[in-house]
């Protein structure tokens, strides 16, 4: 079984719209390099 990671040990990025940091999510595992926004709301309101 895989070891559990602490949330603080996960990689993070800053959102391109709001600038807030957000952490890696399992659903983004294959596309982490392409993720730019922390939420759907920020993606829609991009400037």
C-alpha atoms as a PDB file:
ATOM      1  CA  UNK A   1       0.000   0.000   0.000  1.00  0.00           C
ATOM      2  CA  UNK A   2       1.216   3.525  -0.795  1.00  0.00           C
ATOM      3  CA  UNK A   3       2.355   5.801   2.005  1.00  0.00           C
ATOM      4  CA  UNK A   4       0.140   8.716   2.949  1.00  0.00           C
ATOM      5  CA  UNK A   5       1.515  12.206   2.410  1.00  0.00           C
ATOM      6  CA  UNK A   6       0.881  15.206   4.576  1.00  0.00           C
ATOM      7  CA  UNK A   7      -0.948  18.014   2.817  1.00  0.00           C
ATOM      8  CA  UNK A   8       1.992  20.344   3.481  1.00  0.00           C
ATOM      9  CA  UNK A   9       4.311  18.014   1.546  1.00  0.00           C
ATOM     10  CA  UNK A  10       2.272  18.178  -1.668  1.00  0.00           C
ATOM     11  CA  UNK A  11       3.395  20.469  -4.497  1.00  0.00           C
ATOM     12  CA  UNK A  12       1.566  23.768  -4.884  1.00  0.00           C
ATOM     13  CA  UNK A  13       1.159  26.606  -7.377  1.00  0.00           C
ATOM     14  CA  UNK A  14      -0.246  30.126  -7.388  1.00  0.00           C
ATOM     15  CA  UNK A  15      -3.502  30.714  -9.252  1.00  0.00           C
ATOM     16  CA  UNK A  16      -3.099  32.749 -12.458  1.00  0.00           C
ATOM     17  CA  UNK A  17      -6.275  34.756 -11.710  1.00  0.00           C
ATOM     18  CA  UNK A  18      -6.485  35.382  -7.969  1.00  0.00           C
ATOM     19  CA  UNK A  19      -2.863  34.693  -6.997  1.00  0.00           C
ATOM     20  CA  UNK A  20      -3.761  32.413  -4.082  1.00  0.00           C
ATOM     21  CA  UNK A  21      -1.724  29.239  -3.604  1.00  0.00           C
ATOM     22  CA  UNK A  22      -3.437  25.901  -4.218  1.00  0.00           C
ATOM     23  CA  UNK A  23      -2.222  22.352  -3.625  1.00  0.00           C
ATOM     24  CA  UNK A  24      -1.905  19.321  -5.888  1.00  0.00           C
ATOM     25  CA  UNK A  25      -4.996  17.113  -6.171  1.00  0.00           C
ATOM     26  CA  UNK A  26      -5.127  13.483  -7.199  1.00  0.00           C
ATOM     27  CA  UNK A  27      -7.473  14.262 -10.106  1.00  0.00           C
ATOM     28  CA  UNK A  28      -4.747  16.572 -11.504  1.00  0.00           C
ATOM     29  CA  UNK A  29      -2.013  13.905 -11.300  1.00  0.00           C
ATOM     30  CA  UNK A  30      -1.685  13.446 -15.077  1.00  0.00           C
ATOM     31  CA  UNK A  31      -2.113  17.129 -16.026  1.00  0.00           C
ATOM     32  CA  UNK A  32      -0.412  18.965 -13.131  1.00  0.00           C
ATOM     33  CA  UNK A  33       1.893  20.889 -15.500  1.00  0.00           C
ATOM     34  CA  UNK A  34      -1.146  22.285 -17.355  1.00  0.00           C
ATOM     35  CA  UNK A  35      -3.191  23.328 -14.294  1.00  0.00           C
ATOM     36  CA  UNK A  36      -3.191  27.132 -13.934  1.00  0.00           C
ATOM     37  CA  UNK A  37      -6.314  28.007 -11.926  1.00  0.00           C
ATOM     38  CA  UNK A  38      -7.401  27.062  -8.407  1.00  0.00           C
ATOM     39  CA  UNK A  39     -11.086  26.745  -9.275  1.00  0.00           C
ATOM     40  CA  UNK A  40     -13.652  26.745 -12.050  1.00  0.00           C
ATOM     41  CA  UNK A  41     -14.647  30.268 -11.010  1.00  0.00           C
ATOM     42  CA  UNK A  42     -11.086  31.575 -11.553  1.00  0.00           C
ATOM     43  CA  UNK A  43     -10.835  29.752 -14.881  1.00  0.00           C
ATOM     44  CA  UNK A  44     -14.033  31.392 -16.137  1.00  0.00           C
ATOM     45  CA  UNK A  45     -13.062  34.868 -14.852  1.00  0.00           C
ATOM     46  CA  UNK A  46      -9.510  34.801 -16.241  1.00  0.00           C
ATOM     47  CA  UNK A  47      -8.137  38.121 -17.392  1.00  0.00           C
END
